[in-house]
Amino acid sequence: MGSGARTRRLGLYGAATAVGRCRAFCRGVLADWAWPAPEHLGGLAQEERDAVVEDVLLLVSEAVTNAVRHGGGPTELVLRLGPGDPDAAVTRAGDLRIEVSDASRALPRLRTPTVRGLPGGYGLIMMNLLARRWGVVPRDGGKTVWFDMPATYQPRASPSPAGCAPGPEPFRK
C-alpha cells in the first residue's frame, strides 16, 4: 500500500468473547489513528465522529457475530486506513477497511429476519445501509468478509418501507 497507509491486526481464537475483544480493539485503533479526523484538523465535529465510530463498531459486531454463528468463529480482524495517496489501491485516502476472517467457505447470504424484534437476519441489511462497499474474498481455509467505511459523516434518512435500502453488490473479488 502507498504512503500513509496503516494496518493493524488482531489474531482471534475462541468465540466466547470475540465480539467484545474486537470492538475494544477497533475503538483503541481508531483513537490511536484519530479516525475520523477531528474538526480542528479539518475533519468532523465530535458528535459526527462519535456517530461514524459507532457505525464502525456496530458493523464489526455484526461481522464478528456472523463469523461466530456461521463461520466456526473468527480467526483474524484487520483494520486498514486508506493511504495518503487517493489513487492508491484498497480504499480512498482516509477511509477505513475492516476485514473479518473465519474458517468457513460458506458465503454470507441475505436472509429474511425470522421474527421482528428478535435477533437474526439483520446483519447484511445493516452492512448495505452503513458501509460504502462490502464483499467477501474466498481464501484457503475459509473466507474474509470486508467492508469500507468513509471518513465522512452521512446523515441517514429513514429506511425504506420494506426495511432495507438498495446496497452495493455484495460479493466481489
Protein backbone atom coordinates (compact mmCIF):
# COMPACT_ATOMS: atom_id res chain seq x y z
CA MET A 1 0.00 0.00 0.00
CA GLY A 2 1.10 3.58 -0.59
CA SER A 3 2.47 6.26 1.68
CA GLY A 4 0.48 6.93 4.84
CA ALA A 5 -1.33 3.57 4.83
CA ARG A 6 -1.74 1.89 8.20
CA THR A 7 -2.71 -1.66 9.15
CA ARG A 8 -3.46 -3.30 12.50
CA ARG A 9 -4.25 -6.98 13.03
CA LEU A 10 -5.84 -8.94 15.85
CA GLY A 11 -5.46 -12.73 15.78
CA LEU A 12 -8.54 -14.43 17.19
CA TYR A 13 -9.26 -17.78 18.77
CA GLY A 14 -12.35 -18.93 20.60
CA ALA A 15 -15.74 -17.33 20.18
CA ALA A 16 -16.74 -16.61 23.76
CA THR A 17 -15.51 -13.02 23.97
CA ALA A 18 -14.65 -12.32 20.34
CA VAL A 19 -17.21 -9.55 19.77
CA GLY A 20 -16.18 -7.57 22.84
CA ARG A 21 -12.46 -8.01 22.10
CA CYS A 22 -12.92 -6.87 18.50
CA ARG A 23 -14.96 -3.82 19.49
CA ALA A 24 -12.39 -2.80 22.11
CA PHE A 25 -9.53 -3.36 19.65
CA CYS A 26 -11.28 -1.25 16.98
CA ARG A 27 -12.11 1.55 19.40
CA GLY A 28 -8.47 1.68 20.53
CA VAL A 29 -7.05 1.65 17.00
CA LEU A 30 -9.45 4.37 15.81
CA ALA A 31 -8.47 6.52 18.82
CA ASP A 32 -4.75 5.92 18.11
CA TRP A 33 -5.27 6.90 14.48
CA ALA A 34 -7.56 9.84 15.39
CA TRP A 35 -10.03 8.44 12.84
CA PRO A 36 -12.06 10.08 11.55
CA ALA A 37 -10.11 13.32 11.79
CA PRO A 38 -11.33 15.84 14.37
CA GLU A 39 -12.73 19.22 13.42
CA HIS A 40 -9.55 21.15 14.32
CA LEU A 41 -7.70 19.06 11.71
CA GLY A 42 -10.29 19.72 9.01
CA GLY A 43 -12.43 16.74 9.92
CA LEU A 44 -15.68 16.18 11.75
CA ALA A 45 -17.31 17.67 14.81
CA GLN A 46 -17.14 15.41 17.88
CA GLU A 47 -20.79 14.33 17.61
CA GLU A 48 -20.28 13.34 13.96
CA ARG A 49 -17.05 11.48 14.80
CA ASP A 50 -18.86 9.57 17.53
CA ALA A 51 -21.63 8.59 15.11
CA VAL A 52 -19.16 7.31 12.49
CA VAL A 53 -17.22 5.30 15.10
CA GLU A 54 -20.46 3.79 16.44
CA ASP A 55 -21.39 2.72 12.90
CA VAL A 56 -17.98 1.03 12.55
CA LEU A 57 -18.37 -0.74 15.90
CA LEU A 58 -21.88 -1.91 15.01
CA LEU A 59 -20.68 -3.44 11.72
CA VAL A 60 -17.67 -5.03 13.43
CA SER A 61 -20.08 -6.58 15.94
CA GLU A 62 -22.26 -7.91 13.12
CA ALA A 63 -19.37 -9.31 11.06
CA VAL A 64 -17.75 -10.99 14.07
CA THR A 65 -21.10 -12.34 15.30
CA ASN A 66 -21.73 -13.82 11.85
CA ALA A 67 -18.27 -15.43 11.95
CA VAL A 68 -19.13 -16.91 15.36
CA ARG A 69 -22.61 -18.14 14.35
CA HIS A 70 -21.98 -19.27 10.78
CA GLY A 71 -18.21 -19.48 10.24
CA GLY A 72 -16.89 -21.56 13.12
CA GLY A 73 -15.51 -18.46 14.85
CA PRO A 74 -13.40 -15.56 13.63
CA THR A 75 -9.69 -16.12 13.02
CA GLU A 76 -8.49 -12.56 12.38
CA LEU A 77 -9.63 -8.94 12.41
CA VAL A 78 -7.73 -6.45 10.25
CA LEU A 79 -8.13 -2.66 10.10
CA ARG A 80 -6.61 -0.76 7.18
CA LEU A 81 -6.56 3.00 6.97
CA GLY A 82 -6.54 4.30 3.41
CA PRO A 83 -3.20 5.68 2.24
CA GLY A 84 -2.39 9.35 1.82
CA ASP A 85 -2.40 8.82 -1.95
CA PRO A 86 -6.04 8.93 -3.12
CA ASP A 87 -5.12 6.89 -6.22
CA ALA A 88 -3.62 4.04 -4.20
CA ALA A 89 -5.23 0.61 -4.02
CA VAL A 90 -7.59 -0.78 -1.35
CA THR A 91 -9.64 2.28 -0.46
CA ARG A 92 -9.79 6.05 -0.71
CA ALA A 93 -7.46 8.20 1.36
CA GLY A 94 -8.66 8.39 4.95
CA ASP A 95 -11.27 5.68 4.53
CA LEU A 96 -11.23 2.57 6.67
CA ARG A 97 -11.37 -1.04 5.51
CA ILE A 98 -12.20 -3.72 8.05
CA GLU A 99 -11.74 -7.43 7.38
CA VAL A 100 -13.06 -10.34 9.44
CA SER A 101 -11.77 -13.79 8.51
CA ASP A 102 -13.18 -17.16 9.52
CA ALA A 103 -12.65 -20.82 8.68
CA SER A 104 -15.85 -21.38 6.69
CA ARG A 105 -16.02 -21.23 2.92
CA ALA A 106 -19.80 -20.63 3.02
CA LEU A 107 -20.60 -17.18 1.66
CA PRO A 108 -22.93 -14.87 3.58
CA ARG A 109 -26.43 -14.60 2.21
CA LEU A 110 -29.20 -12.15 2.86
CA ARG A 111 -31.99 -13.78 4.78
CA THR A 112 -35.31 -12.53 5.97
CA PRO A 113 -35.42 -11.84 9.69
CA THR A 114 -37.48 -14.60 11.28
CA VAL A 115 -39.44 -12.61 13.85
CA ARG A 116 -39.47 -8.82 14.16
CA GLY A 117 -37.64 -7.65 17.23
CA LEU A 118 -35.67 -10.88 17.70
CA PRO A 119 -32.01 -11.26 16.73
CA GLY A 120 -31.02 -12.72 13.41
CA GLY A 121 -31.20 -11.73 9.77
CA TYR A 122 -30.31 -8.05 10.05
CA GLY A 123 -26.50 -8.07 9.67
CA LEU A 124 -26.28 -7.80 5.89
CA ILE A 125 -29.13 -5.30 5.80
CA MET A 126 -27.11 -3.06 8.15
CA MET A 127 -23.97 -3.67 6.09
CA ASN A 128 -25.83 -2.45 2.99
CA LEU A 129 -27.07 0.63 4.84
CA LEU A 130 -23.90 1.72 6.64
CA ALA A 131 -20.86 0.57 4.64
CA ARG A 132 -19.68 2.33 1.49
CA ARG A 133 -18.93 -1.08 -0.03
CA TRP A 134 -18.53 -4.61 1.23
CA GLY A 135 -17.69 -8.01 -0.10
CA VAL A 136 -16.30 -11.47 0.51
CA VAL A 137 -13.00 -12.97 -0.58
CA PRO A 138 -12.80 -16.77 -0.53
CA ARG A 139 -9.36 -17.97 0.58
CA ASP A 140 -7.61 -21.20 1.51
CA GLY A 141 -9.23 -22.48 4.67
CA GLY A 142 -12.13 -20.04 4.73
CA LYS A 143 -13.12 -16.54 3.70
CA THR A 144 -12.68 -12.88 4.57
CA VAL A 145 -15.65 -10.52 4.81
CA TRP A 146 -14.58 -6.89 4.30
CA PHE A 147 -16.26 -3.52 4.38
CA ASP A 148 -15.20 0.05 3.70
CA MET A 149 -16.27 2.92 5.91
CA PRO A 150 -15.95 6.54 4.78
CA ALA A 151 -14.12 9.07 6.94
CA THR A 152 -17.12 11.36 6.49
CA TYR A 153 -20.44 11.68 8.27
CA GLN A 154 -23.54 10.96 6.22
CA PRO A 155 -26.83 11.62 8.00
CA ARG A 156 -29.18 8.84 7.00
CA ALA A 157 -32.78 9.08 6.02
CA SER A 158 -35.27 6.60 7.40
CA PRO A 159 -35.05 3.18 5.79
CA SER A 160 -37.43 2.29 3.01
CA PRO A 161 -40.81 0.84 4.00
CA ALA A 162 -39.53 -2.66 3.29
CA GLY A 163 -36.83 -2.08 5.93
CA CYS A 164 -33.84 -2.15 3.66
CA ALA A 165 -32.28 0.12 1.11
CA PRO A 166 -30.51 -0.95 -2.04
CA GLY A 167 -26.83 -1.52 -1.40
CA PRO A 168 -23.64 -2.42 -3.17
CA GLU A 169 -23.04 -5.66 -4.96
CA PRO A 170 -22.29 -7.94 -2.02
CA PHE A 171 -19.73 -10.37 -3.48
CA ARG A 172 -16.64 -9.01 -5.18
CA LYS A 173 -13.22 -10.46 -5.74
